Protein backbone atom coordinates (compact mmCIF):
# COMPACT_ATOMS: atom_id res chain seq x y z
CA UNK A 1 0.00 0.00 0.00
CA UNK A 2 2.83 2.39 0.84
CA UNK A 3 4.45 1.77 -2.56
CA UNK A 4 1.21 2.70 -4.32
CA UNK A 5 0.86 5.90 -2.31
CA UNK A 6 4.47 6.82 -3.00
CA UNK A 7 4.03 6.23 -6.75
CA UNK A 8 0.80 8.24 -6.76
CA UNK A 9 2.55 11.11 -4.95
CA UNK A 10 5.43 11.06 -7.44
CA UNK A 11 3.04 11.10 -10.41
CA UNK A 12 1.06 13.93 -8.86
CA UNK A 13 4.24 15.86 -8.16
CA UNK A 14 5.48 15.36 -11.74
CA UNK A 15 2.16 16.54 -13.14
CA UNK A 16 2.14 19.65 -10.93
CA UNK A 17 5.73 20.51 -11.97
CA UNK A 18 4.86 19.97 -15.61
CA UNK A 19 1.79 22.23 -15.36
CA UNK A 20 3.82 24.93 -13.63
CA UNK A 21 6.56 24.70 -16.24
CA UNK A 22 3.96 24.75 -19.04
CA UNK A 23 2.34 27.89 -17.63
CA UNK A 24 5.73 29.54 -17.19
CA UNK A 25 6.73 28.73 -20.77
CA UNK A 26 3.41 30.02 -22.10
CA UNK A 27 3.93 33.27 -20.18
CA UNK A 28 7.44 33.54 -21.61
CA UNK A 29 6.17 33.09 -25.19
CA UNK A 30 3.57 35.82 -24.71
CA UNK A 31 6.12 38.12 -23.07
CA UNK A 32 8.51 37.69 -25.97
CA UNK A 33 5.68 38.34 -28.44
CA UNK A 34 4.98 41.66 -26.73
CA UNK A 35 8.68 42.56 -26.72
CA UNK A 36 8.88 41.79 -30.43
CA UNK A 37 5.85 43.99 -31.10
CA UNK A 38 7.71 46.79 -29.30
CA UNK A 39 10.72 46.22 -31.60
CA UNK A 40 12.99 45.42 -28.67
CA UNK A 41 16.48 44.27 -29.69
CA UNK A 42 16.88 40.50 -29.48
CA UNK A 43 13.17 39.84 -29.06
CA UNK A 44 12.99 37.76 -32.26
CA UNK A 45 15.58 35.28 -31.05
CA UNK A 46 14.03 35.40 -27.58
CA UNK A 47 10.67 34.41 -29.02
CA UNK A 48 12.23 31.63 -31.09
CA UNK A 49 14.00 30.23 -28.02
CA UNK A 50 10.83 30.44 -25.91
CA UNK A 51 8.91 28.53 -28.59
CA UNK A 52 11.59 25.87 -28.80
CA UNK A 53 11.51 25.43 -25.04
CA UNK A 54 7.73 25.13 -25.12
CA UNK A 55 7.85 22.51 -27.89
CA UNK A 56 10.48 20.52 -26.03
CA UNK A 57 8.29 20.55 -22.95
CA UNK A 58 5.29 19.54 -25.09
CA UNK A 59 7.18 16.40 -26.07
CA UNK A 60 7.23 15.28 -22.45
CA UNK A 61 4.76 12.57 -21.57
CA UNK A 62 2.94 14.64 -18.94
CA UNK A 63 1.95 17.49 -21.25
CA UNK A 64 -1.75 17.98 -21.77
CA UNK A 65 -3.25 17.97 -25.25
CA UNK A 66 -4.56 21.51 -24.78
CA UNK A 67 -0.99 22.80 -24.34
CA UNK A 68 0.00 21.16 -27.63
CA UNK A 69 -3.06 22.67 -29.32
CA UNK A 70 -2.12 26.10 -27.98
CA UNK A 71 1.38 25.68 -29.39
CA UNK A 72 -0.02 24.63 -32.77
CA UNK A 73 -2.11 27.80 -32.86
CA UNK A 74 0.48 30.29 -31.56
CA UNK A 75 3.56 29.01 -33.43
CA UNK A 76 2.51 30.19 -36.92
CA UNK A 77 1.68 33.63 -35.50
CA UNK A 78 5.07 33.80 -33.78
CA UNK A 79 6.83 32.72 -36.96
CA UNK A 80 5.12 35.47 -38.94
CA UNK A 81 6.10 38.00 -36.28
CA UNK A 82 9.74 36.87 -36.34
CA UNK A 83 9.90 36.92 -40.14
CA UNK A 84 8.29 40.37 -40.31
CA UNK A 85 10.76 41.63 -37.73
CA UNK A 86 13.65 40.25 -39.76
CA UNK A 87 12.35 41.92 -42.94
CA UNK A 88 11.95 45.17 -41.05
CA UNK A 89 15.47 44.97 -39.64
CA UNK A 90 16.85 44.27 -43.10
CA UNK A 91 15.05 47.29 -44.53
CA UNK A 92 16.31 49.46 -41.71
CA UNK A 93 19.89 48.50 -42.59
CA UNK A 94 19.41 49.07 -46.31
CA UNK A 95 19.17 45.36 -47.14
CA UNK A 96 16.70 44.07 -49.67
CA UNK A 97 15.61 40.51 -50.14
PDB file of N, CA and C in Angstrom:
ATOM      1  N   UNK A   1       0.825  -1.190   0.000  1.00  0.00           N
ATOM      2  CA  UNK A   1       0.000   0.000   0.000  1.00  0.00           C
ATOM      3  C   UNK A   1       0.869   1.254   0.000  1.00  0.00           C
ATOM      4  N   UNK A   2       1.948   1.237   0.762  1.00  0.00           N
ATOM      5  CA  UNK A   2       2.828   2.395   0.839  1.00  0.00           C
ATOM      6  C   UNK A   2       3.476   2.672  -0.510  1.00  0.00           C
ATOM      7  N   UNK A   3       3.829   1.619  -1.236  1.00  0.00           N
ATOM      8  CA  UNK A   3       4.448   1.772  -2.556  1.00  0.00           C
ATOM      9  C   UNK A   3       3.478   2.458  -3.515  1.00  0.00           C
ATOM     10  N   UNK A   4       2.214   2.082  -3.450  1.00  0.00           N
ATOM     11  CA  UNK A   4       1.206   2.697  -4.319  1.00  0.00           C
ATOM     12  C   UNK A   4       1.041   4.178  -3.992  1.00  0.00           C
ATOM     13  N   UNK A   5       1.007   4.501  -2.721  1.00  0.00           N
ATOM     14  CA  UNK A   5       0.860   5.898  -2.313  1.00  0.00           C
ATOM     15  C   UNK A   5       2.070   6.716  -2.762  1.00  0.00           C
ATOM     16  N   UNK A   6       3.244   6.138  -2.605  1.00  0.00           N
ATOM     17  CA  UNK A   6       4.467   6.821  -3.003  1.00  0.00           C
ATOM     18  C   UNK A   6       4.482   7.074  -4.513  1.00  0.00           C
ATOM     19  N   UNK A   7       4.083   6.075  -5.286  1.00  0.00           N
ATOM     20  CA  UNK A   7       4.026   6.225  -6.748  1.00  0.00           C
ATOM     21  C   UNK A   7       2.990   7.268  -7.140  1.00  0.00           C
ATOM     22  N   UNK A   8       1.846   7.264  -6.470  1.00  0.00           N
ATOM     23  CA  UNK A   8       0.796   8.245  -6.760  1.00  0.00           C
ATOM     24  C   UNK A   8       1.280   9.658  -6.447  1.00  0.00           C
ATOM     25  N   UNK A   9       2.004   9.807  -5.311  1.00  0.00           N
ATOM     26  CA  UNK A   9       2.547  11.113  -4.948  1.00  0.00           C
ATOM     27  C   UNK A   9       3.563  11.590  -5.977  1.00  0.00           C
ATOM     28  N   UNK A  10       4.420  10.688  -6.436  1.00  0.00           N
ATOM     29  CA  UNK A  10       5.426  11.057  -7.440  1.00  0.00           C
ATOM     30  C   UNK A  10       4.771  11.481  -8.744  1.00  0.00           C
ATOM     31  N   UNK A  11       3.756  10.743  -9.183  1.00  0.00           N
ATOM     32  CA  UNK A  11       3.043  11.099 -10.409  1.00  0.00           C
ATOM     33  C   UNK A  11       2.349  12.444 -10.271  1.00  0.00           C
ATOM     34  N   UNK A  12       1.735  12.662  -9.115  1.00  0.00           N
ATOM     35  CA  UNK A  12       1.058  13.927  -8.856  1.00  0.00           C
ATOM     36  C   UNK A  12       2.059  15.073  -8.843  1.00  0.00           C
ATOM     37  N   UNK A  13       3.205  14.841  -8.226  1.00  0.00           N
ATOM     38  CA  UNK A  13       4.245  15.863  -8.160  1.00  0.00           C
ATOM     39  C   UNK A  13       4.785  16.181  -9.548  1.00  0.00           C
ATOM     40  N   UNK A  14       5.003  15.153 -10.366  1.00  0.00           N
ATOM     41  CA  UNK A  14       5.482  15.364 -11.743  1.00  0.00           C
ATOM     42  C   UNK A  14       4.473  16.168 -12.556  1.00  0.00           C
ATOM     43  N   UNK A  15       3.207  15.832 -12.408  1.00  0.00           N
ATOM     44  CA  UNK A  15       2.158  16.538 -13.141  1.00  0.00           C
ATOM     45  C   UNK A  15       2.105  18.003 -12.721  1.00  0.00           C
ATOM     46  N   UNK A  16       2.181  18.268 -11.427  1.00  0.00           N
ATOM     47  CA  UNK A  16       2.142  19.646 -10.933  1.00  0.00           C
ATOM     48  C   UNK A  16       3.337  20.442 -11.459  1.00  0.00           C
ATOM     49  N   UNK A  17       4.533  19.833 -11.434  1.00  0.00           N
ATOM     50  CA  UNK A  17       5.725  20.507 -11.970  1.00  0.00           C
ATOM     51  C   UNK A  17       5.585  20.779 -13.454  1.00  0.00           C
ATOM     52  N   UNK A  18       5.032  19.818 -14.177  1.00  0.00           N
ATOM     53  CA  UNK A  18       4.856  19.973 -15.615  1.00  0.00           C
ATOM     54  C   UNK A  18       3.867  21.104 -15.923  1.00  0.00           C
ATOM     55  N   UNK A  19       2.786  21.168 -15.153  1.00  0.00           N
ATOM     56  CA  UNK A  19       1.795  22.228 -15.356  1.00  0.00           C
ATOM     57  C   UNK A  19       2.394  23.588 -15.047  1.00  0.00           C
ATOM     58  N   UNK A  20       3.180  23.675 -13.993  1.00  0.00           N
ATOM     59  CA  UNK A  20       3.825  24.931 -13.629  1.00  0.00           C
ATOM     60  C   UNK A  20       4.811  25.349 -14.711  1.00  0.00           C
ATOM     61  N   UNK A  21       5.602  24.402 -15.185  1.00  0.00           N
ATOM     62  CA  UNK A  21       6.560  24.700 -16.237  1.00  0.00           C
ATOM     63  C   UNK A  21       5.838  25.102 -17.514  1.00  0.00           C
ATOM     64  N   UNK A  22       4.745  24.416 -17.852  1.00  0.00           N
ATOM     65  CA  UNK A  22       3.963  24.753 -19.040  1.00  0.00           C
ATOM     66  C   UNK A  22       3.405  26.165 -18.955  1.00  0.00           C
ATOM     67  N   UNK A  23       2.882  26.539 -17.816  1.00  0.00           N
ATOM     68  CA  UNK A  23       2.338  27.895 -17.631  1.00  0.00           C
ATOM     69  C   UNK A  23       3.448  28.930 -17.717  1.00  0.00           C
ATOM     70  N   UNK A  24       4.603  28.621 -17.151  1.00  0.00           N
ATOM     71  CA  UNK A  24       5.728  29.545 -17.186  1.00  0.00           C
ATOM     72  C   UNK A  24       6.231  29.729 -18.621  1.00  0.00           C
ATOM     73  N   UNK A  25       6.290  28.639 -19.376  1.00  0.00           N
ATOM     74  CA  UNK A  25       6.735  28.729 -20.767  1.00  0.00           C
ATOM     75  C   UNK A  25       5.734  29.497 -21.618  1.00  0.00           C
ATOM     76  N   UNK A  26       4.450  29.286 -21.361  1.00  0.00           N
ATOM     77  CA  UNK A  26       3.415  30.022 -22.096  1.00  0.00           C
ATOM     78  C   UNK A  26       3.529  31.515 -21.800  1.00  0.00           C
ATOM     79  N   UNK A  27       3.733  31.862 -20.549  1.00  0.00           N
ATOM     80  CA  UNK A  27       3.926  33.268 -20.181  1.00  0.00           C
ATOM     81  C   UNK A  27       5.140  33.855 -20.884  1.00  0.00           C
ATOM     82  N   UNK A  28       6.216  33.072 -20.969  1.00  0.00           N
ATOM     83  CA  UNK A  28       7.437  33.545 -21.614  1.00  0.00           C
ATOM     84  C   UNK A  28       7.217  33.784 -23.112  1.00  0.00           C
ATOM     85  N   UNK A  29       6.473  32.896 -23.769  1.00  0.00           N
ATOM     86  CA  UNK A  29       6.173  33.087 -25.195  1.00  0.00           C
ATOM     87  C   UNK A  29       5.396  34.382 -25.381  1.00  0.00           C
ATOM     88  N   UNK A  30       4.365  34.594 -24.583  1.00  0.00           N
ATOM     89  CA  UNK A  30       3.575  35.825 -24.708  1.00  0.00           C
ATOM     90  C   UNK A  30       4.420  37.066 -24.419  1.00  0.00           C
ATOM     91  N   UNK A  31       5.266  36.980 -23.411  1.00  0.00           N
ATOM     92  CA  UNK A  31       6.121  38.124 -23.072  1.00  0.00           C
ATOM     93  C   UNK A  31       7.041  38.472 -24.244  1.00  0.00           C
ATOM     94  N   UNK A  32       7.623  37.454 -24.836  1.00  0.00           N
ATOM     95  CA  UNK A  32       8.510  37.688 -25.970  1.00  0.00           C
ATOM     96  C   UNK A  32       7.743  38.228 -27.180  1.00  0.00           C
ATOM     97  N   UNK A  33       6.503  37.802 -27.354  1.00  0.00           N
ATOM     98  CA  UNK A  33       5.678  38.343 -28.445  1.00  0.00           C
ATOM     99  C   UNK A  33       5.471  39.847 -28.245  1.00  0.00           C
ATOM    100  N   UNK A  34       5.175  40.238 -27.022  1.00  0.00           N
ATOM    101  CA  UNK A  34       4.984  41.660 -26.734  1.00  0.00           C
ATOM    102  C   UNK A  34       6.273  42.442 -26.953  1.00  0.00           C
ATOM    103  N   UNK A  35       7.398  41.881 -26.517  1.00  0.00           N
ATOM    104  CA  UNK A  35       8.676  42.561 -26.716  1.00  0.00           C
ATOM    105  C   UNK A  35       8.987  42.718 -28.197  1.00  0.00           C
ATOM    106  N   UNK A  36       8.647  41.710 -28.989  1.00  0.00           N
ATOM    107  CA  UNK A  36       8.883  41.794 -30.429  1.00  0.00           C
ATOM    108  C   UNK A  36       7.991  42.855 -31.060  1.00  0.00           C
ATOM    109  N   UNK A  37       6.752  42.943 -30.604  1.00  0.00           N
ATOM    110  CA  UNK A  37       5.853  43.991 -31.103  1.00  0.00           C
ATOM    111  C   UNK A  37       6.400  45.384 -30.793  1.00  0.00           C
ATOM    112  N   UNK A  38       7.123  45.508 -29.690  1.00  0.00           N
ATOM    113  CA  UNK A  38       7.708  46.794 -29.305  1.00  0.00           C
ATOM    114  C   UNK A  38       9.061  47.037 -29.977  1.00  0.00           C
ATOM    115  N   UNK A  39       9.444  46.124 -30.884  1.00  0.00           N
ATOM    116  CA  UNK A  39      10.720  46.221 -31.602  1.00  0.00           C
ATOM    117  C   UNK A  39      11.926  46.245 -30.672  1.00  0.00           C
ATOM    118  N   UNK A  40      11.862  45.494 -29.597  1.00  0.00           N
ATOM    119  CA  UNK A  40      12.990  45.422 -28.673  1.00  0.00           C
ATOM    120  C   UNK A  40      14.107  44.595 -29.292  1.00  0.00           C
ATOM    121  N   UNK A  41      15.347  45.024 -29.142  1.00  0.00           N
ATOM    122  CA  UNK A  41      16.477  44.267 -29.690  1.00  0.00           C
ATOM    123  C   UNK A  41      16.538  42.862 -29.090  1.00  0.00           C
ATOM    124  N   UNK A  42      16.745  41.880 -29.932  1.00  0.00           N
ATOM    125  CA  UNK A  42      16.881  40.497 -29.482  1.00  0.00           C
ATOM    126  C   UNK A  42      15.576  39.786 -29.213  1.00  0.00           C
ATOM    127  N   UNK A  43      14.452  40.464 -29.378  1.00  0.00           N
ATOM    128  CA  UNK A  43      13.167  39.837 -29.059  1.00  0.00           C
ATOM    129  C   UNK A  43      12.822  38.715 -30.040  1.00  0.00           C
ATOM    130  N   UNK A  44      13.265  38.814 -31.284  1.00  0.00           N
ATOM    131  CA  UNK A  44      12.988  37.759 -32.262  1.00  0.00           C
ATOM    132  C   UNK A  44      13.626  36.450 -31.854  1.00  0.00           C
ATOM    133  N   UNK A  45      14.896  36.498 -31.492  1.00  0.00           N
ATOM    134  CA  UNK A  45      15.580  35.285 -31.055  1.00  0.00           C
ATOM    135  C   UNK A  45      15.027  34.822 -29.712  1.00  0.00           C
ATOM    136  N   UNK A  46      14.640  35.765 -28.861  1.00  0.00           N
ATOM    137  CA  UNK A  46      14.030  35.403 -27.579  1.00  0.00           C
ATOM    138  C   UNK A  46      12.728  34.646 -27.768  1.00  0.00           C
ATOM    139  N   UNK A  47      11.930  35.086 -28.730  1.00  0.00           N
ATOM    140  CA  UNK A  47      10.665  34.410 -29.022  1.00  0.00           C
ATOM    141  C   UNK A  47      10.930  33.024 -29.601  1.00  0.00           C
ATOM    142  N   UNK A  48      11.898  32.935 -30.504  1.00  0.00           N
ATOM    143  CA  UNK A  48      12.228  31.635 -31.088  1.00  0.00           C
ATOM    144  C   UNK A  48      12.685  30.644 -30.007  1.00  0.00           C
ATOM    145  N   UNK A  49      13.507  31.100 -29.096  1.00  0.00           N
ATOM    146  CA  UNK A  49      13.997  30.233 -28.016  1.00  0.00           C
ATOM    147  C   UNK A  49      12.848  29.823 -27.095  1.00  0.00           C
ATOM    148  N   UNK A  50      11.972  30.760 -26.773  1.00  0.00           N
ATOM    149  CA  UNK A  50      10.829  30.440 -25.906  1.00  0.00           C
ATOM    150  C   UNK A  50       9.927  29.394 -26.566  1.00  0.00           C
ATOM    151  N   UNK A  51       9.720  29.521 -27.876  1.00  0.00           N
ATOM    152  CA  UNK A  51       8.906  28.533 -28.590  1.00  0.00           C
ATOM    153  C   UNK A  51       9.577  27.162 -28.591  1.00  0.00           C
ATOM    154  N   UNK A  52      10.876  27.147 -28.819  1.00  0.00           N
ATOM    155  CA  UNK A  52      11.590  25.867 -28.799  1.00  0.00           C
ATOM    156  C   UNK A  52      11.486  25.198 -27.433  1.00  0.00           C
ATOM    157  N   UNK A  53      11.643  25.987 -26.386  1.00  0.00           N
ATOM    158  CA  UNK A  53      11.509  25.426 -25.036  1.00  0.00           C
ATOM    159  C   UNK A  53      10.108  24.857 -24.812  1.00  0.00           C
ATOM    160  N   UNK A  54       9.110  25.585 -25.283  1.00  0.00           N
ATOM    161  CA  UNK A  54       7.728  25.128 -25.115  1.00  0.00           C
ATOM    162  C   UNK A  54       7.487  23.832 -25.895  1.00  0.00           C
ATOM    163  N   UNK A  55       8.015  23.742 -27.112  1.00  0.00           N
ATOM    164  CA  UNK A  55       7.850  22.513 -27.894  1.00  0.00           C
ATOM    165  C   UNK A  55       8.583  21.343 -27.252  1.00  0.00           C
ATOM    166  N   UNK A  56       9.759  21.591 -26.712  1.00  0.00           N
ATOM    167  CA  UNK A  56      10.478  20.519 -26.032  1.00  0.00           C
ATOM    168  C   UNK A  56       9.688  20.016 -24.829  1.00  0.00           C
ATOM    169  N   UNK A  57       9.105  20.931 -24.091  1.00  0.00           N
ATOM    170  CA  UNK A  57       8.288  20.545 -22.947  1.00  0.00           C
ATOM    171  C   UNK A  57       7.038  19.794 -23.419  1.00  0.00           C
ATOM    172  N   UNK A  58       6.488  20.189 -24.558  1.00  0.00           N
ATOM    173  CA  UNK A  58       5.289  19.537 -25.086  1.00  0.00           C
ATOM    174  C   UNK A  58       5.566  18.086 -25.461  1.00  0.00           C
ATOM    175  N   UNK A  59       6.823  17.778 -25.740  1.00  0.00           N
ATOM    176  CA  UNK A  59       7.176  16.398 -26.065  1.00  0.00           C
ATOM    177  C   UNK A  59       7.251  15.504 -24.840  1.00  0.00           C
ATOM    178  N   UNK A  60       7.201  16.105 -23.659  1.00  0.00           N
ATOM    179  CA  UNK A  60       7.230  15.277 -22.453  1.00  0.00           C
ATOM    180  C   UNK A  60       5.914  14.513 -22.353  1.00  0.00           C
ATOM    181  N   UNK A  61       5.940  13.435 -21.647  1.00  0.00           N
ATOM    182  CA  UNK A  61       4.764  12.568 -21.572  1.00  0.00           C
ATOM    183  C   UNK A  61       3.654  13.135 -20.701  1.00  0.00           C
ATOM    184  N   UNK A  62       3.958  14.121 -19.861  1.00  0.00           N
ATOM    185  CA  UNK A  62       2.942  14.643 -18.945  1.00  0.00           C
ATOM    186  C   UNK A  62       2.220  15.866 -19.493  1.00  0.00           C
ATOM    187  N   UNK A  63       2.576  16.289 -20.692  1.00  0.00           N
ATOM    188  CA  UNK A  63       1.949  17.485 -21.253  1.00  0.00           C
ATOM    189  C   UNK A  63       0.520  17.190 -21.681  1.00  0.00           C
ATOM    190  N   UNK A  64      -0.353  18.128 -21.394  1.00  0.00           N
ATOM    191  CA  UNK A  64      -1.747  17.982 -21.769  1.00  0.00           C
ATOM    192  C   UNK A  64      -1.939  18.308 -23.247  1.00  0.00           C
ATOM    193  N   UNK A  65      -2.957  17.722 -23.839  1.00  0.00           N
ATOM    194  CA  UNK A  65      -3.253  17.967 -25.250  1.00  0.00           C
ATOM    195  C   UNK A  65      -3.567  19.433 -25.517  1.00  0.00           C
ATOM    196  N   UNK A  66      -4.205  20.109 -24.561  1.00  0.00           N
ATOM    197  CA  UNK A  66      -4.565  21.506 -24.779  1.00  0.00           C
ATOM    198  C   UNK A  66      -3.330  22.387 -24.888  1.00  0.00           C
ATOM    199  N   UNK A  67      -2.228  22.035 -24.212  1.00  0.00           N
ATOM    200  CA  UNK A  67      -0.991  22.799 -24.343  1.00  0.00           C
ATOM    201  C   UNK A  67      -0.404  22.620 -25.734  1.00  0.00           C
ATOM    202  N   UNK A  68      -0.474  21.404 -26.269  1.00  0.00           N
ATOM    203  CA  UNK A  68      -0.004  21.161 -27.635  1.00  0.00           C
ATOM    204  C   UNK A  68      -0.865  21.936 -28.636  1.00  0.00           C
ATOM    205  N   UNK A  69      -2.155  21.939 -28.420  1.00  0.00           N
ATOM    206  CA  UNK A  69      -3.055  22.668 -29.317  1.00  0.00           C
ATOM    207  C   UNK A  69      -2.746  24.162 -29.287  1.00  0.00           C
ATOM    208  N   UNK A  70      -2.480  24.690 -28.093  1.00  0.00           N
ATOM    209  CA  UNK A  70      -2.123  26.097 -27.983  1.00  0.00           C
ATOM    210  C   UNK A  70      -0.853  26.372 -28.779  1.00  0.00           C
ATOM    211  N   UNK A  71       0.137  25.505 -28.656  1.00  0.00           N
ATOM    212  CA  UNK A  71       1.384  25.684 -29.394  1.00  0.00           C
ATOM    213  C   UNK A  71       1.157  25.628 -30.900  1.00  0.00           C
ATOM    214  N   UNK A  72       0.286  24.730 -31.342  1.00  0.00           N
ATOM    215  CA  UNK A  72      -0.016  24.629 -32.774  1.00  0.00           C
ATOM    216  C   UNK A  72      -0.670  25.905 -33.292  1.00  0.00           C
ATOM    217  N   UNK A  73      -1.439  26.563 -32.447  1.00  0.00           N
ATOM    218  CA  UNK A  73      -2.108  27.802 -32.860  1.00  0.00           C
ATOM    219  C   UNK A  73      -1.165  29.006 -32.808  1.00  0.00           C
ATOM    220  N   UNK A  74      -0.344  29.095 -31.776  1.00  0.00           N
ATOM    221  CA  UNK A  74       0.478  30.286 -31.564  1.00  0.00           C
ATOM    222  C   UNK A  74       1.762  30.265 -32.393  1.00  0.00           C
ATOM    223  N   UNK A  75       2.287  29.092 -32.707  1.00  0.00           N
ATOM    224  CA  UNK A  75       3.556  29.007 -33.427  1.00  0.00           C
ATOM    225  C   UNK A  75       3.540  29.696 -34.797  1.00  0.00           C
ATOM    226  N   UNK A  76       2.518  29.488 -35.633  1.00  0.00           N
ATOM    227  CA  UNK A  76       2.511  30.187 -36.919  1.00  0.00           C
ATOM    228  C   UNK A  76       2.460  31.712 -36.766  1.00  0.00           C
ATOM    229  N   UNK A  77       1.756  32.186 -35.757  1.00  0.00           N
ATOM    230  CA  UNK A  77       1.684  33.628 -35.502  1.00  0.00           C
ATOM    231  C   UNK A  77       3.065  34.139 -35.105  1.00  0.00           C
ATOM    232  N   UNK A  78       3.724  33.405 -34.218  1.00  0.00           N
ATOM    233  CA  UNK A  78       5.067  33.802 -33.781  1.00  0.00           C
ATOM    234  C   UNK A  78       6.040  33.796 -34.950  1.00  0.00           C
ATOM    235  N   UNK A  79       5.945  32.800 -35.802  1.00  0.00           N
ATOM    236  CA  UNK A  79       6.828  32.719 -36.964  1.00  0.00           C
ATOM    237  C   UNK A  79       6.643  33.922 -37.873  1.00  0.00           C
ATOM    238  N   UNK A  80       5.395  34.290 -38.109  1.00  0.00           N
ATOM    239  CA  UNK A  80       5.117  35.475 -38.938  1.00  0.00           C
ATOM    240  C   UNK A  80       5.701  36.732 -38.297  1.00  0.00           C
ATOM    241  N   UNK A  81       5.563  36.836 -36.985  1.00  0.00           N
ATOM    242  CA  UNK A  81       6.104  38.002 -36.284  1.00  0.00           C
ATOM    243  C   UNK A  81       7.626  38.064 -36.420  1.00  0.00           C
ATOM    244  N   UNK A  82       8.282  36.922 -36.242  1.00  0.00           N
ATOM    245  CA  UNK A  82       9.739  36.871 -36.336  1.00  0.00           C
ATOM    246  C   UNK A  82      10.189  37.223 -37.748  1.00  0.00           C
ATOM    247  N   UNK A  83       9.526  36.641 -38.750  1.00  0.00           N
ATOM    248  CA  UNK A  83       9.896  36.915 -40.143  1.00  0.00           C
ATOM    249  C   UNK A  83       9.668  38.382 -40.501  1.00  0.00           C
ATOM    250  N   UNK A  84       8.559  38.957 -40.050  1.00  0.00           N
ATOM    251  CA  UNK A  84       8.287  40.374 -40.312  1.00  0.00           C
ATOM    252  C   UNK A  84       9.337  41.252 -39.649  1.00  0.00           C
ATOM    253  N   UNK A  85       9.733  40.885 -38.449  1.00  0.00           N
ATOM    254  CA  UNK A  85      10.758  41.626 -37.729  1.00  0.00           C
ATOM    255  C   UNK A  85      12.087  41.566 -38.479  1.00  0.00           C
ATOM    256  N   UNK A  86      12.412  40.408 -39.017  1.00  0.00           N
ATOM    257  CA  UNK A  86      13.654  40.248 -39.761  1.00  0.00           C
ATOM    258  C   UNK A  86      13.624  41.072 -41.059  1.00  0.00           C
ATOM    259  N   UNK A  87      12.486  41.098 -41.728  1.00  0.00           N
ATOM    260  CA  UNK A  87      12.353  41.919 -42.943  1.00  0.00           C
ATOM    261  C   UNK A  87      12.482  43.379 -42.595  1.00  0.00           C
ATOM    262  N   UNK A  88      11.874  43.784 -41.485  1.00  0.00           N
ATOM    263  CA  UNK A  88      11.954  45.168 -41.055  1.00  0.00           C
ATOM    264  C   UNK A  88      13.366  45.566 -40.676  1.00  0.00           C
ATOM    265  N   UNK A  89      14.092  44.692 -40.021  1.00  0.00           N
ATOM    266  CA  UNK A  89      15.469  44.967 -39.638  1.00  0.00           C
ATOM    267  C   UNK A  89      16.351  45.070 -40.874  1.00  0.00           C
ATOM    268  N   UNK A  90      16.089  44.214 -41.859  1.00  0.00           N
ATOM    269  CA  UNK A  90      16.853  44.275 -43.099  1.00  0.00           C
ATOM    270  C   UNK A  90      16.616  45.574 -43.841  1.00  0.00           C
ATOM    271  N   UNK A  91      15.381  46.029 -43.864  1.00  0.00           N
ATOM    272  CA  UNK A  91      15.046  47.293 -44.533  1.00  0.00           C
ATOM    273  C   UNK A  91      15.673  48.457 -43.809  1.00  0.00           C
ATOM    274  N   UNK A  92      15.730  48.374 -42.487  1.00  0.00           N
ATOM    275  CA  UNK A  92      16.308  49.460 -41.706  1.00  0.00           C
ATOM    276  C   UNK A  92      17.806  49.588 -41.949  1.00  0.00           C
ATOM    277  N   UNK A  93      18.445  48.485 -42.337  1.00  0.00           N
ATOM    278  CA  UNK A  93      19.888  48.498 -42.594  1.00  0.00           C
ATOM    279  C   UNK A  93      20.209  48.619 -44.079  1.00  0.00           C
ATOM    280  N   UNK A  94      19.190  48.902 -44.885  1.00  0.00           N
ATOM    281  CA  UNK A  94      19.411  49.070 -46.310  1.00  0.00           C
ATOM    282  C   UNK A  94      19.523  47.779 -47.084  1.00  0.00           C
ATOM    283  N   UNK A  95      19.125  46.649 -46.463  1.00  0.00           N
ATOM    284  CA  UNK A  95      19.173  45.362 -47.141  1.00  0.00           C
ATOM    285  C   UNK A  95      17.859  45.116 -47.846  1.00  0.00           C
ATOM    286  N   UNK A  96      17.927  44.472 -48.967  1.00  0.00           N
ATOM    287  CA  UNK A  96      16.703  44.074 -49.669  1.00  0.00           C
ATOM    288  C   UNK A  96      16.776  42.593 -49.948  1.00  0.00           C
ATOM    289  N   UNK A  97      15.645  41.931 -49.858  1.00  0.00           N
ATOM    290  CA  UNK A  97      15.613  40.508 -50.135  1.00  0.00           C
ATOM    291  C   UNK A  97      14.618  40.210 -51.225  1.00  0.00           C
TER     292      UNK A  97
END
